[in-house]
Amino acid sequence: MGTEVYKEMLTGIDNTIPISTWSAGIYFYEVSNSTSSLTIARGKFVVER
C-alpha cells in the first residue's frame, strides 16, 4: 500500500530489524546514506505466517 512501516538510523555493520510483529506480506526496503541522497541497497522480502 506504500506505507512506511519502519525507519531507523542504523550504525555499524551488524544490524537487526525486528519483524516478528509484522503482518504477512511483501515488504520493500531501501538503505541509504544519511549524508547524501545516495541509495546503497534496495530490495524486497516476504513475511510468511
N, C-alpha and C. Protein backbone atom coordinates (compact mmCIF):
# COMPACT_ATOMS: atom_id res chain seq x y z
N MET A 1 0.81 -1.19 0.00
CA MET A 1 0.00 0.00 0.00
C MET A 1 0.85 1.26 0.00
N GLY A 2 2.17 1.10 0.07
CA GLY A 2 3.04 2.26 0.03
C GLY A 2 3.21 2.97 1.35
N THR A 3 2.89 2.30 2.45
CA THR A 3 3.00 2.90 3.77
C THR A 3 4.35 2.56 4.39
N GLU A 4 5.04 3.55 4.92
CA GLU A 4 6.29 3.29 5.61
C GLU A 4 6.00 2.63 6.95
N VAL A 5 6.59 1.46 7.20
CA VAL A 5 6.30 0.72 8.43
C VAL A 5 7.46 0.72 9.40
N TYR A 6 8.65 1.10 8.94
CA TYR A 6 9.80 1.08 9.83
C TYR A 6 10.86 2.02 9.29
N LYS A 7 11.45 2.79 10.19
CA LYS A 7 12.55 3.67 9.80
C LYS A 7 13.46 3.81 11.00
N GLU A 8 14.74 3.66 10.78
CA GLU A 8 15.70 3.75 11.88
C GLU A 8 17.05 4.19 11.35
N MET A 9 17.77 4.95 12.15
CA MET A 9 19.14 5.32 11.83
C MET A 9 20.01 4.19 12.35
N LEU A 10 20.63 3.45 11.44
CA LEU A 10 21.47 2.31 11.81
C LEU A 10 22.92 2.73 11.85
N THR A 11 23.67 2.12 12.74
CA THR A 11 25.11 2.39 12.84
C THR A 11 25.85 1.06 12.85
N GLY A 12 27.09 1.09 12.46
CA GLY A 12 27.88 -0.14 12.46
C GLY A 12 27.57 -0.99 11.24
N ILE A 13 28.06 -2.23 11.27
CA ILE A 13 27.88 -3.11 10.11
C ILE A 13 26.99 -4.31 10.40
N ASP A 14 26.60 -4.52 11.64
CA ASP A 14 25.80 -5.68 12.00
C ASP A 14 24.52 -5.21 12.69
N ASN A 15 23.44 -5.08 11.92
CA ASN A 15 22.18 -4.56 12.45
C ASN A 15 21.06 -5.56 12.22
N THR A 16 20.10 -5.59 13.12
CA THR A 16 18.95 -6.46 13.01
C THR A 16 17.68 -5.62 13.11
N ILE A 17 16.73 -5.90 12.25
CA ILE A 17 15.44 -5.20 12.28
C ILE A 17 14.40 -6.21 12.76
N PRO A 18 13.70 -5.91 13.85
CA PRO A 18 12.72 -6.85 14.39
C PRO A 18 11.43 -6.87 13.56
N ILE A 19 11.13 -8.01 12.93
CA ILE A 19 9.94 -8.11 12.09
C ILE A 19 8.93 -9.12 12.63
N SER A 20 9.13 -9.60 13.84
CA SER A 20 8.27 -10.66 14.39
C SER A 20 6.81 -10.23 14.56
N THR A 21 6.55 -8.95 14.67
CA THR A 21 5.18 -8.48 14.85
C THR A 21 4.55 -7.97 13.55
N TRP A 22 5.29 -8.01 12.45
CA TRP A 22 4.78 -7.52 11.18
C TRP A 22 3.80 -8.53 10.58
N SER A 23 2.82 -8.04 9.86
CA SER A 23 1.85 -8.88 9.18
C SER A 23 2.50 -9.57 7.99
N ALA A 24 1.89 -10.69 7.58
CA ALA A 24 2.36 -11.38 6.38
C ALA A 24 2.22 -10.45 5.18
N GLY A 25 3.18 -10.51 4.28
CA GLY A 25 3.10 -9.68 3.08
C GLY A 25 4.46 -9.49 2.45
N ILE A 26 4.48 -8.69 1.43
CA ILE A 26 5.71 -8.35 0.72
C ILE A 26 6.14 -6.96 1.17
N TYR A 27 7.39 -6.84 1.55
CA TYR A 27 7.93 -5.58 2.04
C TYR A 27 9.12 -5.17 1.17
N PHE A 28 9.21 -3.90 0.90
CA PHE A 28 10.32 -3.35 0.14
C PHE A 28 11.20 -2.55 1.09
N TYR A 29 12.51 -2.61 0.87
CA TYR A 29 13.42 -1.86 1.73
C TYR A 29 14.39 -1.04 0.90
N GLU A 30 14.91 -0.01 1.55
CA GLU A 30 15.92 0.83 0.94
C GLU A 30 16.89 1.26 2.02
N VAL A 31 18.17 1.12 1.75
CA VAL A 31 19.22 1.56 2.66
C VAL A 31 19.94 2.71 1.97
N SER A 32 20.03 3.84 2.66
CA SER A 32 20.67 5.00 2.05
C SER A 32 21.62 5.66 3.04
N ASN A 33 22.47 6.48 2.49
CA ASN A 33 23.45 7.23 3.26
C ASN A 33 22.79 8.48 3.83
N SER A 34 22.95 8.72 5.11
CA SER A 34 22.28 9.86 5.74
C SER A 34 22.88 11.21 5.34
N THR A 35 24.09 11.21 4.83
CA THR A 35 24.74 12.49 4.49
C THR A 35 24.51 12.90 3.04
N SER A 36 23.92 12.02 2.25
CA SER A 36 23.61 12.37 0.86
C SER A 36 22.38 11.57 0.42
N SER A 37 21.99 11.75 -0.80
CA SER A 37 20.82 11.03 -1.30
C SER A 37 21.23 9.71 -1.98
N LEU A 38 22.41 9.22 -1.69
CA LEU A 38 22.93 8.00 -2.30
C LEU A 38 22.21 6.77 -1.73
N THR A 39 21.62 5.96 -2.60
CA THR A 39 20.99 4.71 -2.18
C THR A 39 22.04 3.62 -2.24
N ILE A 40 22.23 2.92 -1.12
CA ILE A 40 23.25 1.88 -1.03
C ILE A 40 22.67 0.53 -1.46
N ALA A 41 21.45 0.24 -1.05
CA ALA A 41 20.82 -1.03 -1.41
C ALA A 41 19.31 -0.87 -1.38
N ARG A 42 18.63 -1.66 -2.18
CA ARG A 42 17.17 -1.73 -2.12
C ARG A 42 16.76 -3.12 -2.60
N GLY A 43 15.62 -3.54 -2.12
CA GLY A 43 15.13 -4.86 -2.49
C GLY A 43 13.79 -5.14 -1.84
N LYS A 44 13.44 -6.41 -1.76
CA LYS A 44 12.17 -6.79 -1.13
C LYS A 44 12.34 -8.12 -0.42
N PHE A 45 11.46 -8.38 0.54
CA PHE A 45 11.43 -9.66 1.23
C PHE A 45 9.99 -9.99 1.56
N VAL A 46 9.73 -11.26 1.83
CA VAL A 46 8.38 -11.75 2.11
C VAL A 46 8.31 -12.23 3.55
N VAL A 47 7.27 -11.81 4.26
CA VAL A 47 6.98 -12.32 5.59
C VAL A 47 5.82 -13.29 5.44
N GLU A 48 6.05 -14.55 5.81
CA GLU A 48 5.01 -15.57 5.73
C GLU A 48 4.63 -16.00 7.14
N ARG A 49 3.37 -16.15 7.39
CA ARG A 49 2.88 -16.59 8.70
C ARG A 49 2.10 -17.86 8.56
